[in-house]
PDB file of all heavy atoms in Angstrom:
ATOM      1  N   ILE A   1      -2.731   9.226   0.947  1.00  0.00           N
ATOM      2  CA  ILE A   1      -3.814   8.292   1.244  1.00  0.00           C
ATOM      3  C   ILE A   1      -4.775   8.911   2.249  1.00  0.00           C
ATOM      4  O   ILE A   1      -5.995   8.745   2.139  1.00  0.00           O
ATOM      5  CB  ILE A   1      -3.245   6.954   1.765  1.00  0.00           C
ATOM      6  CG1 ILE A   1      -2.257   6.355   0.758  1.00  0.00           C
ATOM      7  CG2 ILE A   1      -4.375   5.972   2.053  1.00  0.00           C
ATOM      8  CD1 ILE A   1      -2.815   6.142  -0.619  1.00  0.00           C
ATOM      9  N   GLU A   2      -4.238   9.662   3.221  1.00  0.00           N
ATOM     10  CA  GLU A   2      -5.110  10.378   4.160  1.00  0.00           C
ATOM     11  C   GLU A   2      -5.988  11.375   3.417  1.00  0.00           C
ATOM     12  O   GLU A   2      -7.166  11.537   3.737  1.00  0.00           O
ATOM     13  CB  GLU A   2      -4.264  11.092   5.215  1.00  0.00           C
ATOM     14  CG  GLU A   2      -3.651  10.164   6.253  1.00  0.00           C
ATOM     15  CD  GLU A   2      -2.978  10.929   7.377  1.00  0.00           C
ATOM     16  OE1 GLU A   2      -2.532  12.069   7.128  1.00  0.00           O
ATOM     17  OE2 GLU A   2      -2.909  10.392   8.503  1.00  0.00           O
ATOM     18  N   GLU A   3      -5.420  12.049   2.430  1.00  0.00           N
ATOM     19  CA  GLU A   3      -6.190  13.000   1.623  1.00  0.00           C
ATOM     20  C   GLU A   3      -7.294  12.281   0.855  1.00  0.00           C
ATOM     21  O   GLU A   3      -8.425  12.780   0.743  1.00  0.00           O
ATOM     22  CB  GLU A   3      -5.267  13.754   0.662  1.00  0.00           C
ATOM     23  CG  GLU A   3      -4.288  14.694   1.344  1.00  0.00           C
ATOM     24  CD  GLU A   3      -3.332  15.336   0.362  1.00  0.00           C
ATOM     25  OE1 GLU A   3      -3.494  15.122  -0.871  1.00  0.00           O
ATOM     26  OE2 GLU A   3      -2.416  16.052   0.811  1.00  0.00           O
ATOM     27  N   LEU A   4      -6.968  11.107   0.323  1.00  0.00           N
ATOM     28  CA  LEU A   4      -7.976  10.311  -0.393  1.00  0.00           C
ATOM     29  C   LEU A   4      -9.136   9.969   0.531  1.00  0.00           C
ATOM     30  O   LEU A   4     -10.305  10.151   0.161  1.00  0.00           O
ATOM     31  CB  LEU A   4      -7.338   9.029  -0.924  1.00  0.00           C
ATOM     32  CG  LEU A   4      -8.306   7.968  -1.481  1.00  0.00           C
ATOM     33  CD1 LEU A   4      -8.943   8.461  -2.777  1.00  0.00           C
ATOM     34  CD2 LEU A   4      -7.582   6.633  -1.696  1.00  0.00           C
ATOM     35  N   PHE A   5      -8.827   9.490   1.735  1.00  0.00           N
ATOM     36  CA  PHE A   5      -9.880   9.096   2.674  1.00  0.00           C
ATOM     37  C   PHE A   5     -10.759  10.287   3.039  1.00  0.00           C
ATOM     38  O   PHE A   5     -11.978  10.144   3.206  1.00  0.00           O
ATOM     39  CB  PHE A   5      -9.265   8.480   3.935  1.00  0.00           C
ATOM     40  CG  PHE A   5      -8.573   7.162   3.710  1.00  0.00           C
ATOM     41  CD1 PHE A   5      -7.651   6.666   4.635  1.00  0.00           C
ATOM     42  CD2 PHE A   5      -8.822   6.413   2.567  1.00  0.00           C
ATOM     43  CE1 PHE A   5      -7.017   5.450   4.427  1.00  0.00           C
ATOM     44  CE2 PHE A   5      -8.182   5.188   2.349  1.00  0.00           C
ATOM     45  CZ  PHE A   5      -7.272   4.716   3.278  1.00  0.00           C
ATOM     46  N   ALA A   6     -10.158  11.456   3.159  1.00  0.00           N
ATOM     47  CA  ALA A   6     -10.925  12.652   3.520  1.00  0.00           C
ATOM     48  C   ALA A   6     -11.874  13.068   2.406  1.00  0.00           C
ATOM     49  O   ALA A   6     -12.924  13.682   2.665  1.00  0.00           O
ATOM     50  CB  ALA A   6      -9.972  13.800   3.849  1.00  0.00           C
ATOM     51  N   GLU A   7     -11.516  12.751   1.164  1.00  0.00           N
ATOM     52  CA  GLU A   7     -12.336  13.156   0.009  1.00  0.00           C
ATOM     53  C   GLU A   7     -13.467  12.172  -0.287  1.00  0.00           C
ATOM     54  O   GLU A   7     -14.407  12.511  -1.014  1.00  0.00           O
ATOM     55  CB  GLU A   7     -11.444  13.285  -1.229  1.00  0.00           C
ATOM     56  CG  GLU A   7     -10.430  14.422  -1.137  1.00  0.00           C
ATOM     57  CD  GLU A   7      -9.425  14.380  -2.257  1.00  0.00           C
ATOM     58  OE1 GLU A   7      -9.495  13.416  -3.078  1.00  0.00           O
ATOM     59  OE2 GLU A   7      -8.563  15.277  -2.340  1.00  0.00           O
ATOM     60  N   LEU A   8     -13.399  10.947   0.256  1.00  0.00           N
ATOM     61  CA  LEU A   8     -14.380   9.912  -0.088  1.00  0.00           C
ATOM     62  C   LEU A   8     -15.643  10.072   0.759  1.00  0.00           C
ATOM     63  O   LEU A   8     -15.927   9.273   1.650  1.00  0.00           O
ATOM     64  CB  LEU A   8     -13.769   8.519   0.113  1.00  0.00           C
ATOM     65  CG  LEU A   8     -12.602   8.145  -0.793  1.00  0.00           C
ATOM     66  CD1 LEU A   8     -12.064   6.765  -0.429  1.00  0.00           C
ATOM     67  CD2 LEU A   8     -13.021   8.175  -2.262  1.00  0.00           C
ATOM     68  N   LYS A   9     -16.413  11.092   0.459  1.00  0.00           N
ATOM     69  CA  LYS A   9     -17.668  11.326   1.156  1.00  0.00           C
ATOM     70  C   LYS A   9     -18.832  11.081   0.212  1.00  0.00           C
ATOM     71  O   LYS A   9     -18.766  11.407  -0.974  1.00  0.00           O
ATOM     72  CB  LYS A   9     -17.747  12.763   1.694  1.00  0.00           C
ATOM     73  CG  LYS A   9     -16.798  13.060   2.841  1.00  0.00           C
ATOM     74  CD  LYS A   9     -17.028  14.462   3.365  1.00  0.00           C
ATOM     75  CE  LYS A   9     -16.115  14.773   4.544  1.00  0.00           C
ATOM     76  NZ  LYS A   9     -16.341  16.141   5.066  1.00  0.00           N
ATOM     77  N   VAL A  10     -19.898  10.511   0.755  1.00  0.00           N
ATOM     78  CA  VAL A  10     -21.106  10.261  -0.030  1.00  0.00           C
ATOM     79  C   VAL A  10     -22.300  10.780   0.773  1.00  0.00           C
ATOM     80  O   VAL A  10     -22.547  10.320   1.892  1.00  0.00           O
ATOM     81  CB  VAL A  10     -21.298   8.759  -0.329  1.00  0.00           C
ATOM     82  CG1 VAL A  10     -22.557   8.548  -1.163  1.00  0.00           C
ATOM     83  CG2 VAL A  10     -20.087   8.205  -1.061  1.00  0.00           C
ATOM     84  N   ASP A  11     -23.009  11.744   0.202  1.00  0.00           N
ATOM     85  CA  ASP A  11     -24.200  12.289   0.860  1.00  0.00           C
ATOM     86  C   ASP A  11     -23.885  12.743   2.290  1.00  0.00           C
ATOM     87  O   ASP A  11     -24.672  12.565   3.214  1.00  0.00           O
ATOM     88  CB  ASP A  11     -25.314  11.236   0.885  1.00  0.00           C
ATOM     89  CG  ASP A  11     -26.622  11.821   1.421  1.00  0.00           C
ATOM     90  OD1 ASP A  11     -26.965  12.935   1.006  1.00  0.00           O
ATOM     91  OD2 ASP A  11     -27.259  11.165   2.257  1.00  0.00           O
ATOM     92  N   GLY A  12     -22.735  13.346   2.482  1.00  0.00           N
ATOM     93  CA  GLY A  12     -22.392  13.864   3.796  1.00  0.00           C
ATOM     94  C   GLY A  12     -21.875  12.836   4.767  1.00  0.00           C
ATOM     95  O   GLY A  12     -21.378  13.189   5.841  1.00  0.00           O
ATOM     96  N   ASP A  13     -22.010  11.537   4.434  1.00  0.00           N
ATOM     97  CA  ASP A  13     -21.464  10.499   5.303  1.00  0.00           C
ATOM     98  C   ASP A  13     -19.953  10.452   5.125  1.00  0.00           C
ATOM     99  O   ASP A  13     -19.449  10.230   4.017  1.00  0.00           O
ATOM    100  CB  ASP A  13     -22.035   9.117   4.939  1.00  0.00           C
ATOM    101  CG  ASP A  13     -23.407   8.889   5.532  1.00  0.00           C
ATOM    102  OD1 ASP A  13     -23.787   9.657   6.428  1.00  0.00           O
ATOM    103  OD2 ASP A  13     -24.097   7.960   5.094  1.00  0.00           O
ATOM    104  N   ALA A  14     -19.220  10.671   6.205  1.00  0.00           N
ATOM    105  CA  ALA A  14     -17.772  10.583   6.117  1.00  0.00           C
ATOM    106  C   ALA A  14     -17.371   9.144   5.818  1.00  0.00           C
ATOM    107  O   ALA A  14     -17.965   8.194   6.322  1.00  0.00           O
ATOM    108  CB  ALA A  14     -17.148  11.053   7.424  1.00  0.00           C
ATOM    109  N   PHE A  15     -16.370   9.008   4.982  1.00  0.00           N
ATOM    110  CA  PHE A  15     -15.789   7.699   4.738  1.00  0.00           C
ATOM    111  C   PHE A  15     -15.087   7.250   6.018  1.00  0.00           C
ATOM    112  O   PHE A  15     -14.449   8.046   6.705  1.00  0.00           O
ATOM    113  CB  PHE A  15     -14.807   7.801   3.574  1.00  0.00           C
ATOM    114  CG  PHE A  15     -14.069   6.537   3.274  1.00  0.00           C
ATOM    115  CD1 PHE A  15     -14.675   5.509   2.577  1.00  0.00           C
ATOM    116  CD2 PHE A  15     -12.750   6.369   3.693  1.00  0.00           C
ATOM    117  CE1 PHE A  15     -13.994   4.339   2.294  1.00  0.00           C
ATOM    118  CE2 PHE A  15     -12.062   5.207   3.408  1.00  0.00           C
ATOM    119  CZ  PHE A  15     -12.682   4.183   2.713  1.00  0.00           C
ATOM    120  N   THR A  16     -15.211   5.951   6.340  1.00  0.00           N
ATOM    121  CA  THR A  16     -14.633   5.441   7.596  1.00  0.00           C
ATOM    122  C   THR A  16     -13.440   4.543   7.279  1.00  0.00           C
ATOM    123  O   THR A  16     -13.608   3.385   6.904  1.00  0.00           O
ATOM    124  CB  THR A  16     -15.681   4.642   8.397  1.00  0.00           C
ATOM    125  OG1 THR A  16     -16.813   5.465   8.640  1.00  0.00           O
ATOM    126  CG2 THR A  16     -15.100   4.164   9.717  1.00  0.00           C
ATOM    127  N   PRO A  17     -12.208   5.080   7.442  1.00  0.00           N
ATOM    128  CA  PRO A  17     -11.036   4.225   7.245  1.00  0.00           C
ATOM    129  C   PRO A  17     -10.703   3.464   8.532  1.00  0.00           C
ATOM    130  O   PRO A  17     -10.750   4.033   9.627  1.00  0.00           O
ATOM    131  CB  PRO A  17      -9.937   5.220   6.889  1.00  0.00           C
ATOM    132  CG  PRO A  17     -10.332   6.487   7.572  1.00  0.00           C
ATOM    133  CD  PRO A  17     -11.845   6.487   7.663  1.00  0.00           C
ATOM    134  N   VAL A  18     -10.393   2.200   8.400  1.00  0.00           N
ATOM    135  CA  VAL A  18      -9.947   1.377   9.526  1.00  0.00           C
ATOM    136  C   VAL A  18      -8.500   0.986   9.239  1.00  0.00           C
ATOM    137  O   VAL A  18      -8.232   0.254   8.282  1.00  0.00           O
ATOM    138  CB  VAL A  18     -10.828   0.123   9.695  1.00  0.00           C
ATOM    139  CG1 VAL A  18     -10.356  -0.698  10.895  1.00  0.00           C
ATOM    140  CG2 VAL A  18     -12.296   0.513   9.847  1.00  0.00           C
ATOM    141  N   VAL A  19      -7.586   1.502  10.046  1.00  0.00           N
ATOM    142  CA  VAL A  19      -6.167   1.283   9.820  1.00  0.00           C
ATOM    143  C   VAL A  19      -5.684   0.141  10.713  1.00  0.00           C
ATOM    144  O   VAL A  19      -5.896   0.158  11.929  1.00  0.00           O
ATOM    145  CB  VAL A  19      -5.359   2.559  10.099  1.00  0.00           C
ATOM    146  CG1 VAL A  19      -3.866   2.305   9.852  1.00  0.00           C
ATOM    147  CG2 VAL A  19      -5.855   3.698   9.222  1.00  0.00           C
ATOM    148  N   LEU A  20      -5.046  -0.842  10.099  1.00  0.00           N
ATOM    149  CA  LEU A  20      -4.592  -2.036  10.807  1.00  0.00           C
ATOM    150  C   LEU A  20      -3.080  -2.161  10.686  1.00  0.00           C
ATOM    151  O   LEU A  20      -2.523  -1.991   9.598  1.00  0.00           O
ATOM    152  CB  LEU A  20      -5.268  -3.272  10.217  1.00  0.00           C
ATOM    153  CG  LEU A  20      -6.812  -3.237  10.274  1.00  0.00           C
ATOM    154  CD1 LEU A  20      -7.413  -4.038   9.148  1.00  0.00           C
ATOM    155  CD2 LEU A  20      -7.303  -3.751  11.611  1.00  0.00           C
ATOM    156  N   ASN A  21      -2.409  -2.430  11.820  1.00  0.00           N
ATOM    157  CA  ASN A  21      -0.956  -2.609  11.792  1.00  0.00           C
ATOM    158  C   ASN A  21      -0.594  -4.055  12.064  1.00  0.00           C
ATOM    159  O   ASN A  21      -1.343  -4.791  12.714  1.00  0.00           O
ATOM    160  CB  ASN A  21      -0.269  -1.674  12.783  1.00  0.00           C
ATOM    161  CG  ASN A  21      -0.531  -2.069  14.233  1.00  0.00           C
ATOM    162  OD1 ASN A  21       0.079  -3.001  14.764  1.00  0.00           O
ATOM    163  ND2 ASN A  21      -1.450  -1.354  14.883  1.00  0.00           N
ATOM    164  N   ARG A  22       0.529  -4.466  11.561  1.00  0.00           N
ATOM    165  CA  ARG A  22       0.892  -5.875  11.591  1.00  0.00           C
ATOM    166  C   ARG A  22       1.126  -6.384  13.007  1.00  0.00           C
ATOM    167  O   ARG A  22       0.765  -7.517  13.339  1.00  0.00           O
ATOM    168  CB  ARG A  22       2.127  -6.124  10.728  1.00  0.00           C
ATOM    169  CG  ARG A  22       2.422  -7.611  10.516  1.00  0.00           C
ATOM    170  CD  ARG A  22       3.621  -7.804   9.608  1.00  0.00           C
ATOM    171  NE  ARG A  22       3.405  -7.321   8.254  1.00  0.00           N
ATOM    172  CZ  ARG A  22       2.803  -8.023   7.299  1.00  0.00           C
ATOM    173  NH1 ARG A  22       2.305  -9.227   7.565  1.00  0.00           N
ATOM    174  NH2 ARG A  22       2.662  -7.523   6.083  1.00  0.00           N
ATOM    175  N   GLU A  23       1.720  -5.583  13.881  1.00  0.00           N
ATOM    176  CA  GLU A  23       2.045  -6.067  15.221  1.00  0.00           C
ATOM    177  C   GLU A  23       0.792  -6.378  16.027  1.00  0.00           C
ATOM    178  O   GLU A  23       0.704  -7.418  16.687  1.00  0.00           O
ATOM    179  CB  GLU A  23       2.896  -5.031  15.963  1.00  0.00           C
ATOM    180  CG  GLU A  23       3.275  -5.470  17.372  1.00  0.00           C
ATOM    181  CD  GLU A  23       4.152  -4.463  18.080  1.00  0.00           C
ATOM    182  OE1 GLU A  23       4.562  -3.462  17.453  1.00  0.00           O
ATOM    183  OE2 GLU A  23       4.435  -4.671  19.281  1.00  0.00           O
ATOM    184  N   ASP A  24      -0.196  -5.484  15.987  1.00  0.00           N
ATOM    185  CA  ASP A  24      -1.396  -5.653  16.803  1.00  0.00           C
ATOM    186  C   ASP A  24      -2.489  -6.449  16.110  1.00  0.00           C
ATOM    187  O   ASP A  24      -3.385  -6.986  16.773  1.00  0.00           O
ATOM    188  CB  ASP A  24      -1.957  -4.275  17.205  1.00  0.00           C
ATOM    189  CG  ASP A  24      -0.998  -3.489  18.068  1.00  0.00           C
ATOM    190  OD1 ASP A  24      -0.268  -4.129  18.864  1.00  0.00           O
ATOM    191  OD2 ASP A  24      -0.963  -2.251  17.941  1.00  0.00           O
ATOM    192  N   HIS A  25      -2.461  -6.508  14.788  1.00  0.00           N
ATOM    193  CA  HIS A  25      -3.577  -7.080  14.036  1.00  0.00           C
ATOM    194  C   HIS A  25      -3.100  -8.139  13.047  1.00  0.00           C
ATOM    195  O   HIS A  25      -3.551  -8.186  11.901  1.00  0.00           O
ATOM    196  CB  HIS A  25      -4.328  -5.965  13.307  1.00  0.00           C
ATOM    197  CG  HIS A  25      -4.677  -4.800  14.184  1.00  0.00           C
ATOM    198  ND1 HIS A  25      -4.390  -3.496  13.842  1.00  0.00           N
ATOM    199  CD2 HIS A  25      -5.278  -4.753  15.407  1.00  0.00           C
ATOM    200  CE1 HIS A  25      -4.803  -2.680  14.797  1.00  0.00           C
ATOM    201  NE2 HIS A  25      -5.343  -3.426  15.762  1.00  0.00           N
ATOM    202  N   ALA A  26      -2.220  -8.996  13.510  1.00  0.00           N
ATOM    203  CA  ALA A  26      -1.636 -10.013  12.633  1.00  0.00           C
ATOM    204  C   ALA A  26      -2.699 -10.943  12.055  1.00  0.00           C
ATOM    205  O   ALA A  26      -2.611 -11.361  10.893  1.00  0.00           O
ATOM    206  CB  ALA A  26      -0.578 -10.815  13.386  1.00  0.00           C
ATOM    207  N   SER A  27      -3.722 -11.281  12.852  1.00  0.00           N
ATOM    208  CA  SER A  27      -4.743 -12.204  12.354  1.00  0.00           C
ATOM    209  C   SER A  27      -5.548 -11.575  11.224  1.00  0.00           C
ATOM    210  O   SER A  27      -5.974 -12.259  10.294  1.00  0.00           O
ATOM    211  CB  SER A  27      -5.671 -12.641  13.491  1.00  0.00           C
ATOM    212  OG  SER A  27      -6.446 -11.546  13.963  1.00  0.00           O
ATOM    213  N   ALA A  28      -5.769 -10.257  11.288  1.00  0.00           N
ATOM    214  CA  ALA A  28      -6.477  -9.578  10.199  1.00  0.00           C
ATOM    215  C   ALA A  28      -5.620  -9.551   8.938  1.00  0.00           C
ATOM    216  O   ALA A  28      -6.124  -9.750   7.821  1.00  0.00           O
ATOM    217  CB  ALA A  28      -6.850  -8.156  10.617  1.00  0.00           C
ATOM    218  N   PHE A  29      -4.311  -9.313   9.092  1.00  0.00           N
ATOM    219  CA  PHE A  29      -3.409  -9.368   7.939  1.00  0.00           C
ATOM    220  C   PHE A  29      -3.501 -10.732   7.263  1.00  0.00           C
ATOM    221  O   PHE A  29      -3.575 -10.834   6.033  1.00  0.00           O
ATOM    222  CB  PHE A  29      -1.966  -9.103   8.395  1.00  0.00           C
ATOM    223  CG  PHE A  29      -1.542  -7.671   8.306  1.00  0.00           C
ATOM    224  CD1 PHE A  29      -2.003  -6.729   9.220  1.00  0.00           C
ATOM    225  CD2 PHE A  29      -0.680  -7.243   7.311  1.00  0.00           C
ATOM    226  CE1 PHE A  29      -1.611  -5.405   9.156  1.00  0.00           C
ATOM    227  CE2 PHE A  29      -0.272  -5.917   7.226  1.00  0.00           C
ATOM    228  CZ  PHE A  29      -0.741  -4.988   8.149  1.00  0.00           C
ATOM    229  N   ALA A  30      -3.495 -11.786   8.074  1.00  0.00           N
ATOM    230  CA  ALA A  30      -3.535 -13.137   7.507  1.00  0.00           C
ATOM    231  C   ALA A  30      -4.873 -13.420   6.839  1.00  0.00           C
ATOM    232  O   ALA A  30      -4.927 -13.980   5.735  1.00  0.00           O
ATOM    233  CB  ALA A  30      -3.258 -14.157   8.606  1.00  0.00           C
ATOM    234  N   ALA A  31      -5.975 -13.045   7.509  1.00  0.00           N
ATOM    235  CA  ALA A  31      -7.304 -13.338   6.975  1.00  0.00           C
ATOM    236  C   ALA A  31      -7.544 -12.636   5.645  1.00  0.00           C
ATOM    237  O   ALA A  31      -8.226 -13.168   4.761  1.00  0.00           O
ATOM    238  CB  ALA A  31      -8.370 -12.932   7.985  1.00  0.00           C
ATOM    239  N   TYR A  32      -6.976 -11.429   5.494  1.00  0.00           N
ATOM    240  CA  TYR A  32      -7.198 -10.640   4.280  1.00  0.00           C
ATOM    241  C   TYR A  32      -6.029 -10.750   3.295  1.00  0.00           C
ATOM    242  O   TYR A  32      -6.005 -10.038   2.300  1.00  0.00           O
ATOM    243  CB  TYR A  32      -7.442  -9.179   4.654  1.00  0.00           C
ATOM    244  CG  TYR A  32      -8.853  -8.939   5.177  1.00  0.00           C
ATOM    245  CD1 TYR A  32      -9.163  -9.145   6.516  1.00  0.00           C
ATOM    246  CD2 TYR A  32      -9.866  -8.532   4.324  1.00  0.00           C
ATOM    247  CE1 TYR A  32     -10.447  -8.937   6.996  1.00  0.00           C
ATOM    248  CE2 TYR A  32     -11.154  -8.323   4.787  1.00  0.00           C
ATOM    249  CZ  TYR A  32     -11.450  -8.528   6.133  1.00  0.00           C
ATOM    250  OH  TYR A  32     -12.727  -8.333   6.589  1.00  0.00           O
ATOM    251  N   ASN A  33      -5.083 -11.673   3.572  1.00  0.00           N
ATOM    252  CA  ASN A  33      -3.937 -11.877   2.684  1.00  0.00           C
ATOM    253  C   ASN A  33      -3.284 -10.535   2.352  1.00  0.00           C
ATOM    254  O   ASN A  33      -3.016 -10.203   1.195  1.00  0.00           O
ATOM    255  CB  ASN A  33      -4.385 -12.592   1.411  1.00  0.00           C
ATOM    256  CG  ASN A  33      -3.222 -13.059   0.546  1.00  0.00           C
ATOM    257  OD1 ASN A  33      -3.245 -12.909  -0.667  1.00  0.00           O
ATOM    258  ND2 ASN A  33      -2.197 -13.617   1.154  1.00  0.00           N
ATOM    259  N   ALA A  34      -3.044  -9.737   3.405  1.00  0.00           N
ATOM    260  CA  ALA A  34      -2.624  -8.355   3.233  1.00  0.00           C
ATOM    261  C   ALA A  34      -1.127  -8.175   3.419  1.00  0.00           C
ATOM    262  O   ALA A  34      -0.459  -8.939   4.120  1.00  0.00           O
ATOM    263  CB  ALA A  34      -3.377  -7.461   4.222  1.00  0.00           C
ATOM    264  N   GLN A  35      -0.628  -7.142   2.793  1.00  0.00           N
ATOM    265  CA  GLN A  35       0.725  -6.639   3.005  1.00  0.00           C
ATOM    266  C   GLN A  35       0.589  -5.148   3.315  1.00  0.00           C
ATOM    267  O   GLN A  35      -0.502  -4.587   3.286  1.00  0.00           O
ATOM    268  CB  GLN A  35       1.585  -6.842   1.757  1.00  0.00           C
ATOM    269  CG  GLN A  35       1.079  -6.061   0.542  1.00  0.00           C
ATOM    270  CD  GLN A  35       1.882  -6.320  -0.711  1.00  0.00           C
ATOM    271  OE1 GLN A  35       2.427  -7.394  -0.893  1.00  0.00           O
ATOM    272  NE2 GLN A  35       1.943  -5.328  -1.595  1.00  0.00           N
TER     273      GLN A  35
END
């Protein structure tokens, strides 16, 4: 997945991954119905 994020470039703009973990970002997990 890290390799995928590194390859997702458009016109030189680096792709920006935002990594969220359950302990610190529980409200984001809930809002996005994420696992």
